[in-house]
Amino acid sequence: MTAATVTRLEEQIASVKHDYQELERKLNSARSSLQQVSLQDLECPEEMKSGVVFKVQLGAFEEIELPDGLVTSFNFDIEHQEELNQYVIGQFRDYYKADLLKKELRSMDVESAWVVPYRNGERVPLKEVLGVVMDG
């Protein structure tokens, strides 16, 4: 292995470490911000399992696995669809509260955050519940 190859590999390692530290900083920032969101809005009481409910999807990934402790925090859930793991958080009757959380997450560079609706526990297209969103 040449000195140039070693140097290049060391630079790549340093870059990966930097990226990891940045992601860890963003995760800690997200945790802090989410603690400020009303836990009442994020909890899923039994009555939230019927009717229209909105969640915020953080992203959908093939191979990313999160630590077990995080999955139980803030009504965080992983939904499996085909080969993707979809990470969602929160339970809101009010679309605009879910949208506020989405905007907060996007301000923390979670660009893939978006609001997803559910009817009676089943994920549905937003257009199917637009009347509820506009009337609610």
N, C-alpha and C. Protein backbone atom coordinates (compact mmCIF):
# COMPACT_ATOMS: atom_id res chain seq x y z
N MET A 1 0.86 -1.17 0.00
CA MET A 1 0.00 0.00 0.00
C MET A 1 0.91 1.23 0.00
N THR A 2 0.63 2.14 -0.90
CA THR A 2 1.47 3.32 -1.01
C THR A 2 1.08 4.36 0.03
N ALA A 3 1.98 5.30 0.24
CA ALA A 3 1.73 6.38 1.20
C ALA A 3 0.53 7.22 0.75
N ALA A 4 0.39 7.41 -0.54
CA ALA A 4 -0.75 8.18 -1.06
C ALA A 4 -2.07 7.47 -0.78
N THR A 5 -2.08 6.15 -0.91
CA THR A 5 -3.28 5.36 -0.63
C THR A 5 -3.64 5.45 0.84
N VAL A 6 -2.64 5.33 1.70
CA VAL A 6 -2.87 5.43 3.14
C VAL A 6 -3.43 6.80 3.49
N THR A 7 -2.87 7.84 2.93
CA THR A 7 -3.33 9.21 3.17
C THR A 7 -4.77 9.37 2.71
N ARG A 8 -5.08 8.85 1.52
CA ARG A 8 -6.44 8.95 1.00
C ARG A 8 -7.43 8.22 1.91
N LEU A 9 -7.07 7.04 2.37
CA LEU A 9 -7.94 6.26 3.26
C LEU A 9 -8.11 6.97 4.61
N GLU A 10 -7.07 7.55 5.13
CA GLU A 10 -7.17 8.30 6.39
C GLU A 10 -8.10 9.50 6.23
N GLU A 11 -8.03 10.16 5.08
CA GLU A 11 -8.93 11.29 4.80
C GLU A 11 -10.38 10.82 4.72
N GLN A 12 -10.61 9.67 4.10
CA GLN A 12 -11.96 9.12 4.03
C GLN A 12 -12.49 8.76 5.41
N ILE A 13 -11.64 8.18 6.24
CA ILE A 13 -12.04 7.84 7.62
C ILE A 13 -12.39 9.11 8.38
N ALA A 14 -11.59 10.13 8.25
CA ALA A 14 -11.85 11.40 8.93
C ALA A 14 -13.17 12.00 8.45
N SER A 15 -13.43 11.89 7.16
CA SER A 15 -14.68 12.42 6.61
C SER A 15 -15.88 11.66 7.15
N VAL A 16 -15.79 10.33 7.22
CA VAL A 16 -16.89 9.52 7.75
C VAL A 16 -17.11 9.85 9.22
N LYS A 17 -16.03 10.00 9.99
CA LYS A 17 -16.16 10.38 11.41
C LYS A 17 -16.85 11.72 11.54
N HIS A 18 -16.47 12.66 10.69
CA HIS A 18 -17.10 13.99 10.73
C HIS A 18 -18.59 13.88 10.41
N ASP A 19 -18.94 13.11 9.38
CA ASP A 19 -20.35 12.93 9.01
C ASP A 19 -21.13 12.28 10.15
N TYR A 20 -20.53 11.29 10.79
CA TYR A 20 -21.17 10.62 11.92
C TYR A 20 -21.42 11.61 13.05
N GLN A 21 -20.43 12.42 13.38
CA GLN A 21 -20.58 13.40 14.45
C GLN A 21 -21.68 14.42 14.11
N GLU A 22 -21.77 14.80 12.85
CA GLU A 22 -22.80 15.75 12.42
C GLU A 22 -24.18 15.11 12.55
N LEU A 23 -24.31 13.86 12.13
CA LEU A 23 -25.59 13.16 12.27
C LEU A 23 -25.96 12.98 13.74
N GLU A 24 -24.99 12.69 14.57
CA GLU A 24 -25.24 12.55 16.00
C GLU A 24 -25.70 13.89 16.60
N ARG A 25 -25.09 14.99 16.16
CA ARG A 25 -25.50 16.32 16.61
C ARG A 25 -26.94 16.61 16.20
N LYS A 26 -27.29 16.27 14.96
CA LYS A 26 -28.65 16.49 14.49
C LYS A 26 -29.65 15.64 15.25
N LEU A 27 -29.27 14.40 15.54
CA LEU A 27 -30.15 13.52 16.31
C LEU A 27 -30.38 14.08 17.70
N ASN A 28 -29.34 14.54 18.35
CA ASN A 28 -29.49 15.13 19.68
C ASN A 28 -30.34 16.39 19.63
N SER A 29 -30.17 17.18 18.58
CA SER A 29 -30.98 18.38 18.41
C SER A 29 -32.45 18.01 18.20
N ALA A 30 -32.68 16.97 17.40
CA ALA A 30 -34.05 16.52 17.16
C ALA A 30 -34.67 16.01 18.45
N ARG A 31 -33.92 15.25 19.22
CA ARG A 31 -34.44 14.75 20.50
C ARG A 31 -34.83 15.91 21.41
N SER A 32 -33.98 16.92 21.45
CA SER A 32 -34.25 18.08 22.29
C SER A 32 -35.51 18.81 21.83
N SER A 33 -35.63 19.01 20.53
CA SER A 33 -36.81 19.70 19.99
C SER A 33 -38.08 18.89 20.23
N LEU A 34 -37.98 17.58 20.06
CA LEU A 34 -39.16 16.74 20.24
C LEU A 34 -39.62 16.72 21.69
N GLN A 35 -38.71 16.89 22.62
CA GLN A 35 -39.09 16.95 24.02
C GLN A 35 -39.95 18.18 24.30
N GLN A 36 -39.79 19.20 23.47
CA GLN A 36 -40.57 20.42 23.64
C GLN A 36 -41.97 20.29 23.06
N VAL A 37 -42.16 19.34 22.17
CA VAL A 37 -43.49 19.10 21.60
C VAL A 37 -44.34 18.43 22.67
N SER A 38 -45.56 18.80 22.76
CA SER A 38 -46.44 18.23 23.78
C SER A 38 -46.52 16.72 23.65
N LEU A 39 -46.12 16.01 24.70
CA LEU A 39 -46.19 14.56 24.68
C LEU A 39 -47.62 14.08 24.54
N GLN A 40 -48.57 14.90 24.97
CA GLN A 40 -49.97 14.53 24.82
C GLN A 40 -50.31 14.36 23.35
N ASP A 41 -49.76 15.21 22.49
CA ASP A 41 -50.02 15.11 21.06
C ASP A 41 -49.33 13.89 20.45
N LEU A 42 -48.24 13.42 21.06
CA LEU A 42 -47.49 12.32 20.49
C LEU A 42 -47.95 10.96 21.00
N GLU A 43 -48.64 10.92 22.12
CA GLU A 43 -49.09 9.65 22.66
C GLU A 43 -50.22 9.09 21.82
N CYS A 44 -50.43 7.81 21.93
CA CYS A 44 -51.47 7.17 21.14
C CYS A 44 -52.49 6.52 22.06
N PRO A 45 -53.40 7.31 22.63
CA PRO A 45 -54.44 6.67 23.43
C PRO A 45 -55.32 5.79 22.55
N GLU A 46 -56.04 4.91 23.17
CA GLU A 46 -56.86 3.94 22.44
C GLU A 46 -57.77 4.61 21.42
N GLU A 47 -58.34 5.78 21.77
CA GLU A 47 -59.28 6.42 20.84
C GLU A 47 -58.58 6.96 19.59
N MET A 48 -57.22 7.01 19.57
CA MET A 48 -56.50 7.47 18.39
C MET A 48 -56.33 6.36 17.36
N LYS A 49 -56.84 5.20 17.63
CA LYS A 49 -56.68 4.09 16.69
C LYS A 49 -57.83 4.00 15.70
N SER A 50 -58.82 4.85 15.86
CA SER A 50 -59.91 4.89 14.88
C SER A 50 -60.05 6.31 14.38
N GLY A 51 -60.71 6.44 13.25
CA GLY A 51 -60.85 7.76 12.64
C GLY A 51 -59.58 8.15 11.90
N VAL A 52 -59.45 9.44 11.62
CA VAL A 52 -58.30 9.95 10.87
C VAL A 52 -57.23 10.44 11.84
N VAL A 53 -56.01 9.96 11.62
CA VAL A 53 -54.86 10.32 12.44
C VAL A 53 -53.72 10.67 11.48
N PHE A 54 -52.92 11.66 11.87
CA PHE A 54 -51.78 12.06 11.06
C PHE A 54 -50.49 11.75 11.81
N LYS A 55 -49.50 11.24 11.08
CA LYS A 55 -48.17 10.98 11.62
C LYS A 55 -47.18 11.69 10.73
N VAL A 56 -45.95 11.80 11.20
CA VAL A 56 -44.90 12.39 10.38
C VAL A 56 -43.88 11.30 10.07
N GLN A 57 -43.70 11.07 8.78
CA GLN A 57 -42.70 10.09 8.35
C GLN A 57 -41.35 10.79 8.25
N LEU A 58 -40.36 10.24 8.92
CA LEU A 58 -39.01 10.81 8.90
C LEU A 58 -38.26 10.40 7.65
N GLY A 59 -38.54 9.22 7.15
CA GLY A 59 -37.86 8.71 5.97
C GLY A 59 -38.19 7.25 5.77
N ALA A 60 -37.76 6.74 4.63
CA ALA A 60 -37.94 5.32 4.30
C ALA A 60 -36.60 4.81 3.77
N PHE A 61 -36.11 3.76 4.41
CA PHE A 61 -34.77 3.28 4.08
C PHE A 61 -34.77 1.76 3.97
N GLU A 62 -33.84 1.24 3.18
CA GLU A 62 -33.73 -0.20 3.01
C GLU A 62 -32.97 -0.85 4.15
N GLU A 63 -31.84 -0.29 4.54
CA GLU A 63 -30.95 -1.02 5.43
C GLU A 63 -30.62 -0.30 6.73
N ILE A 64 -31.21 0.82 7.02
CA ILE A 64 -30.89 1.54 8.24
C ILE A 64 -31.67 0.95 9.40
N GLU A 65 -30.97 0.66 10.48
CA GLU A 65 -31.61 0.18 11.70
C GLU A 65 -31.25 1.15 12.82
N LEU A 66 -32.24 1.52 13.61
CA LEU A 66 -32.02 2.46 14.70
C LEU A 66 -31.91 1.71 16.01
N PRO A 67 -31.27 2.35 17.00
CA PRO A 67 -31.16 1.71 18.31
C PRO A 67 -32.54 1.43 18.90
N ASP A 68 -32.67 0.31 19.60
CA ASP A 68 -33.96 -0.09 20.17
C ASP A 68 -34.54 0.96 21.09
N GLY A 69 -33.74 1.63 21.88
CA GLY A 69 -34.24 2.63 22.82
C GLY A 69 -34.94 3.79 22.15
N LEU A 70 -34.50 4.14 20.96
CA LEU A 70 -35.12 5.25 20.24
C LEU A 70 -36.49 4.88 19.71
N VAL A 71 -36.66 3.65 19.33
CA VAL A 71 -37.92 3.22 18.72
C VAL A 71 -39.09 3.37 19.69
N THR A 72 -38.88 3.27 20.98
CA THR A 72 -39.97 3.38 21.94
C THR A 72 -40.22 4.82 22.38
N SER A 73 -39.39 5.75 21.97
CA SER A 73 -39.53 7.14 22.39
C SER A 73 -40.52 7.90 21.51
N PHE A 74 -41.30 8.77 22.12
CA PHE A 74 -42.16 9.70 21.41
C PHE A 74 -43.08 9.04 20.40
N ASN A 75 -43.61 7.88 20.73
CA ASN A 75 -44.50 7.18 19.82
C ASN A 75 -43.84 6.99 18.45
N PHE A 76 -42.61 6.62 18.46
CA PHE A 76 -41.81 6.36 17.27
C PHE A 76 -42.13 4.95 16.80
N ASP A 77 -42.33 4.77 15.51
CA ASP A 77 -42.69 3.46 15.00
C ASP A 77 -41.99 3.20 13.68
N ILE A 78 -41.77 1.94 13.40
CA ILE A 78 -41.20 1.51 12.13
C ILE A 78 -42.25 0.68 11.41
N GLU A 79 -42.60 1.12 10.22
CA GLU A 79 -43.57 0.39 9.39
C GLU A 79 -42.80 -0.26 8.25
N HIS A 80 -43.08 -1.51 8.00
CA HIS A 80 -42.38 -2.24 6.95
C HIS A 80 -43.29 -2.34 5.73
N GLN A 81 -42.79 -1.84 4.60
CA GLN A 81 -43.53 -1.92 3.35
C GLN A 81 -42.55 -2.34 2.26
N GLU A 82 -42.84 -3.48 1.68
CA GLU A 82 -41.96 -4.10 0.69
C GLU A 82 -40.56 -4.20 1.29
N GLU A 83 -39.55 -3.60 0.67
CA GLU A 83 -38.19 -3.71 1.19
C GLU A 83 -37.77 -2.49 2.00
N LEU A 84 -38.70 -1.60 2.30
CA LEU A 84 -38.36 -0.36 3.00
C LEU A 84 -38.84 -0.38 4.44
N ASN A 85 -38.07 0.27 5.29
CA ASN A 85 -38.49 0.55 6.66
C ASN A 85 -38.89 2.02 6.69
N GLN A 86 -40.14 2.31 7.01
CA GLN A 86 -40.64 3.68 7.07
C GLN A 86 -40.69 4.09 8.53
N TYR A 87 -39.98 5.16 8.87
CA TYR A 87 -39.90 5.63 10.24
C TYR A 87 -40.89 6.77 10.43
N VAL A 88 -41.85 6.57 11.35
CA VAL A 88 -42.88 7.58 11.60
C VAL A 88 -42.91 7.93 13.07
N ILE A 89 -43.40 9.14 13.34
CA ILE A 89 -43.44 9.63 14.71
C ILE A 89 -44.73 10.42 14.91
N GLY A 90 -45.27 10.34 16.10
CA GLY A 90 -46.42 11.16 16.49
C GLY A 90 -47.75 10.57 16.10
N GLN A 91 -48.78 11.14 16.71
CA GLN A 91 -50.19 10.82 16.43
C GLN A 91 -50.95 12.12 16.60
N PHE A 92 -51.53 12.63 15.56
CA PHE A 92 -52.22 13.91 15.63
C PHE A 92 -53.60 13.80 14.98
N ARG A 93 -54.60 14.33 15.64
CA ARG A 93 -55.91 14.47 15.00
C ARG A 93 -55.90 15.69 14.09
N ASP A 94 -55.11 16.67 14.46
CA ASP A 94 -55.04 17.94 13.74
C ASP A 94 -53.88 17.89 12.73
N TYR A 95 -54.21 17.98 11.46
CA TYR A 95 -53.19 17.95 10.41
C TYR A 95 -52.16 19.04 10.63
N TYR A 96 -52.58 20.21 11.06
CA TYR A 96 -51.68 21.35 11.17
C TYR A 96 -50.65 21.16 12.29
N LYS A 97 -50.99 20.41 13.34
CA LYS A 97 -49.99 20.08 14.37
C LYS A 97 -48.95 19.13 13.80
N ALA A 98 -49.39 18.16 13.02
CA ALA A 98 -48.45 17.24 12.38
C ALA A 98 -47.56 18.01 11.41
N ASP A 99 -48.15 18.94 10.69
CA ASP A 99 -47.39 19.75 9.74
C ASP A 99 -46.36 20.62 10.47
N LEU A 100 -46.70 21.10 11.64
CA LEU A 100 -45.77 21.89 12.44
C LEU A 100 -44.56 21.04 12.84
N LEU A 101 -44.80 19.80 13.26
CA LEU A 101 -43.70 18.90 13.58
C LEU A 101 -42.86 18.63 12.34
N LYS A 102 -43.51 18.42 11.21
CA LYS A 102 -42.78 18.19 9.95
C LYS A 102 -41.87 19.38 9.65
N LYS A 103 -42.39 20.59 9.80
CA LYS A 103 -41.59 21.79 9.52
C LYS A 103 -40.42 21.92 10.49
N GLU A 104 -40.65 21.58 11.75
CA GLU A 104 -39.57 21.62 12.74
C GLU A 104 -38.47 20.62 12.37
N LEU A 105 -38.87 19.42 11.95
CA LEU A 105 -37.89 18.42 11.55
C LEU A 105 -37.13 18.86 10.30
N ARG A 106 -37.83 19.47 9.36
CA ARG A 106 -37.14 19.95 8.15
C ARG A 106 -36.16 21.07 8.48
N SER A 107 -36.49 21.89 9.47
CA SER A 107 -35.56 22.95 9.88
C SER A 107 -34.29 22.36 10.49
N MET A 108 -34.37 21.08 10.91
CA MET A 108 -33.20 20.38 11.46
C MET A 108 -32.57 19.49 10.39
N ASP A 109 -32.85 19.79 9.12
CA ASP A 109 -32.27 19.08 7.98
C ASP A 109 -32.79 17.66 7.79
N VAL A 110 -33.96 17.36 8.33
CA VAL A 110 -34.60 16.08 8.03
C VAL A 110 -35.53 16.37 6.84
N GLU A 111 -34.89 16.51 5.67
CA GLU A 111 -35.61 16.96 4.48
C GLU A 111 -36.68 15.98 4.01
N SER A 112 -36.56 14.72 4.40
CA SER A 112 -37.52 13.72 3.93
C SER A 112 -38.77 13.65 4.80
N ALA A 113 -38.88 14.50 5.83
CA ALA A 113 -40.05 14.48 6.71
C ALA A 113 -41.29 14.94 5.94
N TRP A 114 -42.40 14.20 6.13
CA TRP A 114 -43.66 14.60 5.53
C TRP A 114 -44.81 13.99 6.31
N VAL A 115 -45.98 14.58 6.17
CA VAL A 115 -47.16 14.16 6.91
C VAL A 115 -47.85 13.02 6.16
N VAL A 116 -48.20 11.97 6.91
CA VAL A 116 -48.91 10.85 6.31
C VAL A 116 -50.20 10.60 7.10
N PRO A 117 -51.32 10.44 6.40
CA PRO A 117 -52.60 10.21 7.07
C PRO A 117 -52.93 8.71 7.19
N TYR A 118 -53.71 8.42 8.22
CA TYR A 118 -54.21 7.06 8.46
C TYR A 118 -55.70 7.16 8.75
N ARG A 119 -56.44 6.19 8.27
CA ARG A 119 -57.86 6.09 8.59
C ARG A 119 -58.07 4.72 9.22
N ASN A 120 -58.56 4.73 10.45
CA ASN A 120 -58.81 3.48 11.19
C ASN A 120 -57.58 2.57 11.20
N GLY A 121 -56.41 3.18 11.37
CA GLY A 121 -55.17 2.43 11.48
C GLY A 121 -54.51 2.06 10.18
N GLU A 122 -55.14 2.36 9.05
CA GLU A 122 -54.57 2.04 7.74
C GLU A 122 -54.08 3.31 7.06
N ARG A 123 -52.89 3.24 6.51
CA ARG A 123 -52.32 4.38 5.79
C ARG A 123 -53.12 4.61 4.51
N VAL A 124 -53.49 5.87 4.27
CA VAL A 124 -54.29 6.23 3.09
C VAL A 124 -53.68 7.46 2.43
N PRO A 125 -53.99 7.69 1.16
CA PRO A 125 -53.51 8.90 0.49
C PRO A 125 -54.14 10.15 1.13
N LEU A 126 -53.41 11.23 1.16
CA LEU A 126 -53.89 12.47 1.75
C LEU A 126 -55.18 12.95 1.09
N LYS A 127 -55.30 12.74 -0.22
CA LYS A 127 -56.50 13.21 -0.93
C LYS A 127 -57.77 12.55 -0.40
N GLU A 128 -57.63 11.35 0.22
CA GLU A 128 -58.81 10.66 0.76
C GLU A 128 -59.32 11.30 2.04
N VAL A 129 -58.49 12.10 2.70
CA VAL A 129 -58.90 12.70 3.97
C VAL A 129 -58.84 14.22 3.93
N LEU A 130 -58.72 14.79 2.74
CA LEU A 130 -58.63 16.25 2.62
C LEU A 130 -59.80 16.97 3.27
N GLY A 131 -60.99 16.42 3.17
CA GLY A 131 -62.17 17.04 3.80
C GLY A 131 -61.99 17.13 5.30
N VAL A 132 -61.45 16.08 5.91
CA VAL A 132 -61.19 16.07 7.35
C VAL A 132 -60.15 17.12 7.69
N VAL A 133 -59.11 17.23 6.85
CA VAL A 133 -58.04 18.20 7.08
C VAL A 133 -58.61 19.62 7.01
N MET A 134 -59.41 19.89 6.01
CA MET A 134 -59.94 21.23 5.82
C MET A 134 -61.01 21.58 6.85
N ASP A 135 -61.79 20.59 7.27
CA ASP A 135 -62.86 20.84 8.24
C ASP A 135 -62.35 20.83 9.66
N GLY A 136 -61.26 20.05 9.91
CA GLY A 136 -60.75 19.86 11.26
C GLY A 136 -60.01 21.03 11.73
